[in-house]
PDB file of N, CA and C in Angstrom:
ATOM      1  N   MET A   1     175.277   4.657 -12.920  1.00  0.00           N
ATOM      2  CA  MET A   1     174.768   3.350 -12.593  1.00  0.00           C
ATOM      3  C   MET A   1     175.852   2.455 -12.001  1.00  0.00           C
ATOM      4  N   LEU A   2     177.051   2.540 -12.518  1.00  0.00           N
ATOM      5  CA  LEU A   2     178.115   1.677 -12.013  1.00  0.00           C
ATOM      6  C   LEU A   2     178.476   1.986 -10.563  1.00  0.00           C
ATOM      7  N   SER A   3     178.214   3.219 -10.115  1.00  0.00           N
ATOM      8  CA  SER A   3     178.516   3.529  -8.723  1.00  0.00           C
ATOM      9  C   SER A   3     177.613   2.743  -7.773  1.00  0.00           C
ATOM     10  N   THR A   4     176.430   2.369  -8.234  1.00  0.00           N
ATOM     11  CA  THR A   4     175.537   1.577  -7.395  1.00  0.00           C
ATOM     12  C   THR A   4     175.957   0.110  -7.363  1.00  0.00           C
ATOM     13  N   LEU A   5     176.855  -0.294  -8.220  1.00  0.00           N
ATOM     14  CA  LEU A   5     177.310  -1.673  -8.261  1.00  0.00           C
ATOM     15  C   LEU A   5     178.550  -1.884  -7.403  1.00  0.00           C
ATOM     16  N   ARG A   6     178.832  -0.920  -6.549  1.00  0.00           N
ATOM     17  CA  ARG A   6     179.977  -0.967  -5.635  1.00  0.00           C
ATOM     18  C   ARG A   6     181.296  -1.118  -6.373  1.00  0.00           C
ATOM     19  N   GLY A   7     181.454  -0.327  -7.380  1.00  0.00           N
ATOM     20  CA  GLY A   7     182.762  -0.239  -7.994  1.00  0.00           C
ATOM     21  C   GLY A   7     182.889  -0.803  -9.382  1.00  0.00           C
ATOM     22  N   SER A   8     182.413  -1.994  -9.635  1.00  0.00           N
ATOM     23  CA  SER A   8     182.662  -2.560 -10.948  1.00  0.00           C
ATOM     24  C   SER A   8     181.587  -3.555 -11.342  1.00  0.00           C
ATOM     25  N   LEU A   9     181.487  -3.741 -12.617  1.00  0.00           N
ATOM     26  CA  LEU A   9     180.547  -4.719 -13.142  1.00  0.00           C
ATOM     27  C   LEU A   9     180.997  -6.129 -12.785  1.00  0.00           C
ATOM     28  N   LYS A  10     182.304  -6.343 -12.739  1.00  0.00           N
ATOM     29  CA  LYS A  10     182.827  -7.665 -12.378  1.00  0.00           C
ATOM     30  C   LYS A  10     182.402  -8.046 -10.957  1.00  0.00           C
ATOM     31  N   GLY A  11     182.473  -7.093 -10.025  1.00  0.00           N
ATOM     32  CA  GLY A  11     182.042  -7.349  -8.652  1.00  0.00           C
ATOM     33  C   GLY A  11     180.560  -7.651  -8.565  1.00  0.00           C
ATOM     34  N   TYR A  12     179.769  -6.940  -9.356  1.00  0.00           N
ATOM     35  CA  TYR A  12     178.331  -7.176  -9.380  1.00  0.00           C
ATOM     36  C   TYR A  12     178.019  -8.575  -9.911  1.00  0.00           C
ATOM     37  N   LEU A  13     178.666  -8.951 -11.004  1.00  0.00           N
ATOM     38  CA  LEU A  13     178.420 -10.272 -11.586  1.00  0.00           C
ATOM     39  C   LEU A  13     178.891 -11.392 -10.669  1.00  0.00           C
ATOM     40  N   THR A  14     179.969 -11.167  -9.937  1.00  0.00           N
ATOM     41  CA  THR A  14     180.425 -12.151  -8.960  1.00  0.00           C
ATOM     42  C   THR A  14     179.375 -12.338  -7.869  1.00  0.00           C
ATOM     43  N   GLY A  15     178.812 -11.239  -7.397  1.00  0.00           N
ATOM     44  CA  GLY A  15     177.760 -11.308  -6.383  1.00  0.00           C
ATOM     45  C   GLY A  15     176.533 -12.046  -6.882  1.00  0.00           C
ATOM     46  N   VAL A  16     176.136 -11.794  -8.108  1.00  0.00           N
ATOM     47  CA  VAL A  16     174.980 -12.489  -8.688  1.00  0.00           C
ATOM     48  C   VAL A  16     175.275 -13.980  -8.795  1.00  0.00           C
ATOM     49  N   GLY A  17     176.499 -14.319  -9.195  1.00  0.00           N
ATOM     50  CA  GLY A  17     176.872 -15.732  -9.300  1.00  0.00           C
ATOM     51  C   GLY A  17     176.796 -16.440  -7.961  1.00  0.00           C
ATOM     52  N   TRP A  18     177.323 -15.796  -6.911  1.00  0.00           N
ATOM     53  CA  TRP A  18     177.261 -16.399  -5.573  1.00  0.00           C
ATOM     54  C   TRP A  18     175.826 -16.516  -5.095  1.00  0.00           C
ATOM     55  N   TRP A  19     175.005 -15.499  -5.379  1.00  0.00           N
ATOM     56  CA  TRP A  19     173.604 -15.535  -4.972  1.00  0.00           C
ATOM     57  C   TRP A  19     172.906 -16.733  -5.611  1.00  0.00           C
ATOM     58  N   LEU A  20     173.130 -16.929  -6.907  1.00  0.00           N
ATOM     59  CA  LEU A  20     172.524 -18.069  -7.594  1.00  0.00           C
ATOM     60  C   LEU A  20     173.033 -19.391  -7.033  1.00  0.00           C
ATOM     61  N   TRP A  21     174.333 -19.479  -6.801  1.00  0.00           N
ATOM     62  CA  TRP A  21     174.915 -20.711  -6.282  1.00  0.00           C
ATOM     63  C   TRP A  21     174.317 -21.052  -4.917  1.00  0.00           C
ATOM     64  N   LEU A  22     174.227 -20.060  -4.031  1.00  0.00           N
ATOM     65  CA  LEU A  22     173.654 -20.305  -2.704  1.00  0.00           C
ATOM     66  C   LEU A  22     172.190 -20.720  -2.786  1.00  0.00           C
ATOM     67  N   ARG A  23     171.438 -20.102  -3.668  1.00  0.00           N
ATOM     68  CA  ARG A  23     170.019 -20.411  -3.796  1.00  0.00           C
ATOM     69  C   ARG A  23     169.762 -21.788  -4.389  1.00  0.00           C
ATOM     70  N   LEU A  24     170.555 -22.181  -5.367  1.00  0.00           N
ATOM     71  CA  LEU A  24     170.215 -23.356  -6.158  1.00  0.00           C
ATOM     72  C   LEU A  24     170.961 -24.633  -5.780  1.00  0.00           C
ATOM     73  N   THR A  25     171.921 -24.560  -4.871  1.00  0.00           N
ATOM     74  CA  THR A  25     172.695 -25.764  -4.541  1.00  0.00           C
ATOM     75  C   THR A  25     172.283 -26.392  -3.226  1.00  0.00           C
ATOM     76  N   GLY A  26     171.274 -25.883  -2.579  1.00  0.00           N
ATOM     77  CA  GLY A  26     170.828 -26.483  -1.324  1.00  0.00           C
ATOM     78  C   GLY A  26     171.623 -26.003  -0.119  1.00  0.00           C
ATOM     79  N   SER A  27     172.296 -24.860  -0.230  1.00  0.00           N
ATOM     80  CA  SER A  27     173.034 -24.307   0.905  1.00  0.00           C
ATOM     81  C   SER A  27     172.065 -23.846   1.977  1.00  0.00           C
ATOM     82  N   ARG A  28     172.523 -23.880   3.211  1.00  0.00           N
ATOM     83  CA  ARG A  28     171.674 -23.481   4.338  1.00  0.00           C
ATOM     84  C   ARG A  28     172.177 -22.184   4.959  1.00  0.00           C
ATOM     85  N   CYS A  29     171.246 -21.458   5.530  1.00  0.00           N
ATOM     86  CA  CYS A  29     171.553 -20.195   6.208  1.00  0.00           C
ATOM     87  C   CYS A  29     172.293 -20.486   7.513  1.00  0.00           C
ATOM     88  N   ILE A  30     173.316 -19.715   7.801  1.00  0.00           N
ATOM     89  CA  ILE A  30     174.079 -19.897   9.037  1.00  0.00           C
ATOM     90  C   ILE A  30     173.244 -19.473  10.244  1.00  0.00           C
ATOM     91  N   ALA A  31     172.438 -18.429  10.076  1.00  0.00           N
ATOM     92  CA  ALA A  31     171.684 -17.878  11.199  1.00  0.00           C
ATOM     93  C   ALA A  31     170.505 -18.749  11.628  1.00  0.00           C
ATOM     94  N   CYS A  32     169.750 -19.299  10.654  1.00  0.00           N
ATOM     95  CA  CYS A  32     168.527 -20.018  11.029  1.00  0.00           C
ATOM     96  C   CYS A  32     168.503 -21.479  10.596  1.00  0.00           C
ATOM     97  N   GLY A  33     169.370 -21.879   9.688  1.00  0.00           N
ATOM     98  CA  GLY A  33     169.420 -23.259   9.244  1.00  0.00           C
ATOM     99  C   GLY A  33     168.464 -23.605   8.113  1.00  0.00           C
ATOM    100  N   TRP A  34     167.673 -22.648   7.643  1.00  0.00           N
ATOM    101  CA  TRP A  34     166.757 -22.893   6.528  1.00  0.00           C
ATOM    102  C   TRP A  34     167.537 -22.946   5.225  1.00  0.00           C
ATOM    103  N   LEU A  35     166.967 -23.610   4.226  1.00  0.00           N
ATOM    104  CA  LEU A  35     167.538 -23.571   2.884  1.00  0.00           C
ATOM    105  C   LEU A  35     167.426 -22.150   2.343  1.00  0.00           C
ATOM    106  N   PHE A  36     168.465 -21.702   1.636  1.00  0.00           N
ATOM    107  CA  PHE A  36     168.382 -20.371   1.040  1.00  0.00           C
ATOM    108  C   PHE A  36     167.260 -20.287   0.021  1.00  0.00           C
ATOM    109  N   LEU A  37     166.965 -21.410  -0.605  1.00  0.00           N
ATOM    110  CA  LEU A  37     165.888 -21.434  -1.582  1.00  0.00           C
ATOM    111  C   LEU A  37     164.545 -21.088  -0.938  1.00  0.00           C
ATOM    112  N   ALA A  38     164.363 -21.436   0.331  1.00  0.00           N
ATOM    113  CA  ALA A  38     163.104 -21.183   1.028  1.00  0.00           C
ATOM    114  C   ALA A  38     163.055 -19.801   1.687  1.00  0.00           C
ATOM    115  N   HIS A  39     164.134 -19.046   1.612  1.00  0.00           N
ATOM    116  CA  HIS A  39     164.154 -17.723   2.232  1.00  0.00           C
ATOM    117  C   HIS A  39     163.300 -16.734   1.440  1.00  0.00           C
ATOM    118  N   THR A  40     162.325 -16.183   2.104  1.00  0.00           N
ATOM    119  CA  THR A  40     161.563 -15.082   1.519  1.00  0.00           C
ATOM    120  C   THR A  40     162.352 -13.803   1.776  1.00  0.00           C
ATOM    121  N   PRO A  41     162.007 -12.707   1.119  1.00  0.00           N
ATOM    122  CA  PRO A  41     162.722 -11.453   1.399  1.00  0.00           C
ATOM    123  C   PRO A  41     162.670 -11.068   2.885  1.00  0.00           C
ATOM    124  N   TRP A  42     161.519 -11.289   3.555  1.00  0.00           N
ATOM    125  CA  TRP A  42     161.430 -10.955   4.972  1.00  0.00           C
ATOM    126  C   TRP A  42     162.371 -11.825   5.799  1.00  0.00           C
ATOM    127  N   ARG A  43     162.427 -13.114   5.495  1.00  0.00           N
ATOM    128  CA  ARG A  43     163.304 -14.020   6.238  1.00  0.00           C
ATOM    129  C   ARG A  43     164.765 -13.629   6.024  1.00  0.00           C
ATOM    130  N   SER A  44     165.129 -13.284   4.809  1.00  0.00           N
ATOM    131  CA  SER A  44     166.497 -12.840   4.535  1.00  0.00           C
ATOM    132  C   SER A  44     166.819 -11.577   5.325  1.00  0.00           C
ATOM    133  N   TRP A  45     165.852 -10.669   5.402  1.00  0.00           N
ATOM    134  CA  TRP A  45     166.061  -9.429   6.147  1.00  0.00           C
ATOM    135  C   TRP A  45     166.337  -9.746   7.616  1.00  0.00           C
ATOM    136  N   ARG A  46     165.532 -10.675   8.199  1.00  0.00           N
ATOM    137  CA  ARG A  46     165.727 -11.052   9.603  1.00  0.00           C
ATOM    138  C   ARG A  46     167.079 -11.718   9.821  1.00  0.00           C
ATOM    139  N   CYS A  47     167.426 -12.655   8.936  1.00  0.00           N
ATOM    140  CA  CYS A  47     168.681 -13.392   9.104  1.00  0.00           C
ATOM    141  C   CYS A  47     169.898 -12.494   8.929  1.00  0.00           C
ATOM    142  N   ASN A  48     169.807 -11.520   8.036  1.00  0.00           N
ATOM    143  CA  ASN A  48     170.926 -10.606   7.834  1.00  0.00           C
ATOM    144  C   ASN A  48     171.156  -9.727   9.048  1.00  0.00           C
ATOM    145  N   ARG A  49     170.179  -9.607   9.930  1.00  0.00           N
ATOM    146  CA  ARG A  49     170.316  -8.781  11.125  1.00  0.00           C
ATOM    147  C   ARG A  49     170.434  -9.602  12.407  1.00  0.00           C
ATOM    148  N   THR A  50     170.611 -10.904  12.271  1.00  0.00           N
ATOM    149  CA  THR A  50     170.750 -11.794  13.411  1.00  0.00           C
ATOM    150  C   THR A  50     172.227 -11.976  13.742  1.00  0.00           C
ATOM    151  N   PRO A  51     172.627 -11.805  14.998  1.00  0.00           N
ATOM    152  CA  PRO A  51     174.023 -12.067  15.353  1.00  0.00           C
ATOM    153  C   PRO A  51     174.360 -13.539  15.102  1.00  0.00           C
ATOM    154  N   LEU A  52     175.501 -13.768  14.490  1.00  0.00           N
ATOM    155  CA  LEU A  52     175.894 -15.130  14.163  1.00  0.00           C
ATOM    156  C   LEU A  52     176.470 -15.838  15.378  1.00  0.00           C
ATOM    157  N   PRO A  53     176.264 -17.144  15.467  1.00  0.00           N
ATOM    158  CA  PRO A  53     176.790 -17.904  16.603  1.00  0.00           C
ATOM    159  C   PRO A  53     178.255 -18.274  16.418  1.00  0.00           C
ATOM    160  N   GLN A  54     179.055 -17.312  15.986  1.00  0.00           N
ATOM    161  CA  GLN A  54     180.477 -17.554  15.744  1.00  0.00           C
ATOM    162  C   GLN A  54     181.284 -16.572  16.583  1.00  0.00           C
ATOM    163  N   THR A  55     182.449 -17.017  17.019  1.00  0.00           N
ATOM    164  CA  THR A  55     183.333 -16.148  17.791  1.00  0.00           C
ATOM    165  C   THR A  55     184.731 -16.190  17.195  1.00  0.00           C
ATOM    166  N   ILE A  56     185.521 -15.209  17.540  1.00  0.00           N
ATOM    167  CA  ILE A  56     186.917 -15.174  17.111  1.00  0.00           C
ATOM    168  C   ILE A  56     187.723 -15.976  18.120  1.00  0.00           C
ATOM    169  N   THR A  57     188.465 -16.965  17.650  1.00  0.00           N
ATOM    170  CA  THR A  57     189.278 -17.791  18.538  1.00  0.00           C
ATOM    171  C   THR A  57     190.535 -17.032  18.944  1.00  0.00           C
ATOM    172  N   GLU A  58     191.240 -17.551  19.934  1.00  0.00           N
ATOM    173  CA  GLU A  58     192.494 -16.924  20.361  1.00  0.00           C
ATOM    174  C   GLU A  58     193.509 -16.900  19.223  1.00  0.00           C
ATOM    175  N   GLN A  59     193.535 -17.973  18.435  1.00  0.00           N
ATOM    176  CA  GLN A  59     194.458 -18.032  17.307  1.00  0.00           C
ATOM    177  C   GLN A  59     194.111 -16.963  16.270  1.00  0.00           C
ATOM    178  N   GLY A  60     192.828 -16.803  15.984  1.00  0.00           N
ATOM    179  CA  GLY A  60     192.400 -15.780  15.033  1.00  0.00           C
ATOM    180  C   GLY A  60     192.653 -14.379  15.553  1.00  0.00           C
ATOM    181  N   LEU A  61     192.467 -14.177  16.845  1.00  0.00           N
ATOM    182  CA  LEU A  61     192.725 -12.877  17.448  1.00  0.00           C
ATOM    183  C   LEU A  61     194.211 -12.531  17.377  1.00  0.00           C
ATOM    184  N   ALA A  62     195.057 -13.509  17.650  1.00  0.00           N
ATOM    185  CA  ALA A  62     196.506 -13.280  17.548  1.00  0.00           C
ATOM    186  C   ALA A  62     196.897 -12.964  16.110  1.00  0.00           C
ATOM    187  N   ARG A  63     196.276 -13.626  15.174  1.00  0.00           N
ATOM    188  CA  ARG A  63     196.570 -13.364  13.763  1.00  0.00           C
ATOM    189  C   ARG A  63     196.147 -11.953  13.370  1.00  0.00           C
ATOM    190  N   LEU A  64     194.996 -11.503  13.883  1.00  0.00           N
ATOM    191  CA  LEU A  64     194.563 -10.131  13.613  1.00  0.00           C
ATOM    192  C   LEU A  64     195.546  -9.123  14.181  1.00  0.00           C
ATOM    193  N   GLU A  65     196.020  -9.385  15.379  1.00  0.00           N
ATOM    194  CA  GLU A  65     196.951  -8.455  16.007  1.00  0.00           C
ATOM    195  C   GLU A  65     198.301  -8.444  15.306  1.00  0.00           C
ATOM    196  N   ASP A  66     198.775  -9.614  14.886  1.00  0.00           N
ATOM    197  CA  ASP A  66     200.090  -9.697  14.261  1.00  0.00           C
ATOM    198  C   ASP A  66     200.102  -9.206  12.826  1.00  0.00           C
ATOM    199  N   HIS A  67     199.060  -9.523  12.088  1.00  0.00           N
ATOM    200  CA  HIS A  67     199.062  -9.231  10.657  1.00  0.00           C
ATOM    201  C   HIS A  67     198.004  -8.223  10.245  1.00  0.00           C
ATOM    202  N   GLY A  68     197.480  -7.461  11.194  1.00  0.00           N
ATOM    203  CA  GLY A  68     196.455  -6.476  10.857  1.00  0.00           C
ATOM    204  C   GLY A  68     197.016  -5.424   9.911  1.00  0.00           C
ATOM    205  N   HIS A  69     196.430  -5.331   8.738  1.00  0.00           N
ATOM    206  CA  HIS A  69     196.941  -4.406   7.737  1.00  0.00           C
ATOM    207  C   HIS A  69     196.234  -3.065   7.783  1.00  0.00           C
ATOM    208  N   THR A  70     195.079  -3.025   8.378  1.00  0.00           N
ATOM    209  CA  THR A  70     194.350  -1.772   8.417  1.00  0.00           C
ATOM    210  C   THR A  70     194.110  -1.371   9.870  1.00  0.00           C
ATOM    211  N   GLU A  71     193.806  -0.126  10.032  1.00  0.00           N
ATOM    212  CA  GLU A  71     193.524   0.393  11.368  1.00  0.00           C
ATOM    213  C   GLU A  71     192.239  -0.235  11.923  1.00  0.00           C
ATOM    214  N   ALA A  72     191.281  -0.515  11.039  1.00  0.00           N
ATOM    215  CA  ALA A  72     190.019  -1.130  11.474  1.00  0.00           C
ATOM    216  C   ALA A  72     190.255  -2.527  12.042  1.00  0.00           C
ATOM    217  N   GLU A  73     191.152  -3.309  11.415  1.00  0.00           N
ATOM    218  CA  GLU A  73     191.446  -4.651  11.927  1.00  0.00           C
ATOM    219  C   GLU A  73     192.126  -4.575  13.287  1.00  0.00           C
ATOM    220  N   ALA A  74     193.026  -3.619  13.453  1.00  0.00           N
ATOM    221  CA  ALA A  74     193.693  -3.444  14.740  1.00  0.00           C
ATOM    222  C   ALA A  74     192.686  -3.014  15.808  1.00  0.00           C
ATOM    223  N   ASP A  75     191.761  -2.133  15.448  1.00  0.00           N
ATOM    224  CA  ASP A  75     190.726  -1.698  16.386  1.00  0.00           C
ATOM    225  C   ASP A  75     189.809  -2.854  16.773  1.00  0.00           C
ATOM    226  N   LEU A  76     189.470  -3.712  15.816  1.00  0.00           N
ATOM    227  CA  LEU A  76     188.629  -4.870  16.095  1.00  0.00           C
ATOM    228  C   LEU A  76     189.323  -5.804  17.075  1.00  0.00           C
ATOM    229  N   ALA A  77     190.598  -6.075  16.840  1.00  0.00           N
ATOM    230  CA  ALA A  77     191.340  -6.964  17.737  1.00  0.00           C
ATOM    231  C   ALA A  77     191.414  -6.376  19.146  1.00  0.00           C
ATOM    232  N   ALA A  78     191.640  -5.069  19.253  1.00  0.00           N
ATOM    233  CA  ALA A  78     191.710  -4.442  20.572  1.00  0.00           C
ATOM    234  C   ALA A  78     190.355  -4.481  21.276  1.00  0.00           C
ATOM    235  N   ALA A  79     189.269  -4.273  20.529  1.00  0.00           N
ATOM    236  CA  ALA A  79     187.930  -4.299  21.134  1.00  0.00           C
ATOM    237  C   ALA A  79     187.579  -5.701  21.621  1.00  0.00           C
ATOM    238  N   VAL A  80     187.900  -6.720  20.846  1.00  0.00           N
ATOM    239  CA  VAL A  80     187.604  -8.094  21.258  1.00  0.00           C
ATOM    240  C   VAL A  80     188.432  -8.465  22.471  1.00  0.00           C
ATOM    241  N   ARG A  81     189.701  -8.082  22.464  1.00  0.00           N
ATOM    242  CA  ARG A  81     190.584  -8.384  23.608  1.00  0.00           C
ATOM    243  C   ARG A  81     190.068  -7.681  24.871  1.00  0.00           C
ATOM    244  N   ALA A  82     189.630  -6.431  24.757  1.00  0.00           N
ATOM    245  CA  ALA A  82     189.126  -5.699  25.918  1.00  0.00           C
ATOM    246  C   ALA A  82     187.827  -6.311  26.444  1.00  0.00           C
ATOM    247  N   LYS A  83     186.963  -6.763  25.537  1.00  0.00           N
ATOM    248  CA  LYS A  83     185.697  -7.365  25.946  1.00  0.00           C
ATOM    249  C   LYS A  83     185.924  -8.695  26.662  1.00  0.00           C
ATOM    250  N   ARG A  84     186.943  -9.446  26.231  1.00  0.00           N
ATOM    251  CA  ARG A  84     187.216 -10.728  26.868  1.00  0.00           C
ATOM    252  C   ARG A  84     187.847 -10.572  28.233  1.00  0.00           C
ATOM    253  N   THR A  85     188.605  -9.528  28.455  1.00  0.00           N
ATOM    254  CA  THR A  85     189.262  -9.344  29.752  1.00  0.00           C
ATOM    255  C   THR A  85     188.337  -8.639  30.750  1.00  0.00           C
ATOM    256  N   ALA A  86     187.277  -8.025  30.264  1.00  0.00           N
ATOM    257  CA  ALA A  86     186.359  -7.304  31.165  1.00  0.00           C
ATOM    258  C   ALA A  86     185.425  -8.246  31.887  1.00  0.00           C
TER     259      ALA A  86
END
């Protein structure tokens, strides 16, 4: 059962805490602007698959390139840089 909790019970409980906080404090969805409290399961499914209107700035891209600790972060920085120059 713990393998389904992505590693630990502490991580699961942290996720539940954030879920409750987002639902009950009047936070809004980044993708659609609706209150999380008003999100039905279908709406959550749609919003989770919606591209966010956020981009990586030049400063953030430089930080990824300079301090990338994993190969995935370095690959992400290279892909974003290539897409911007194309």
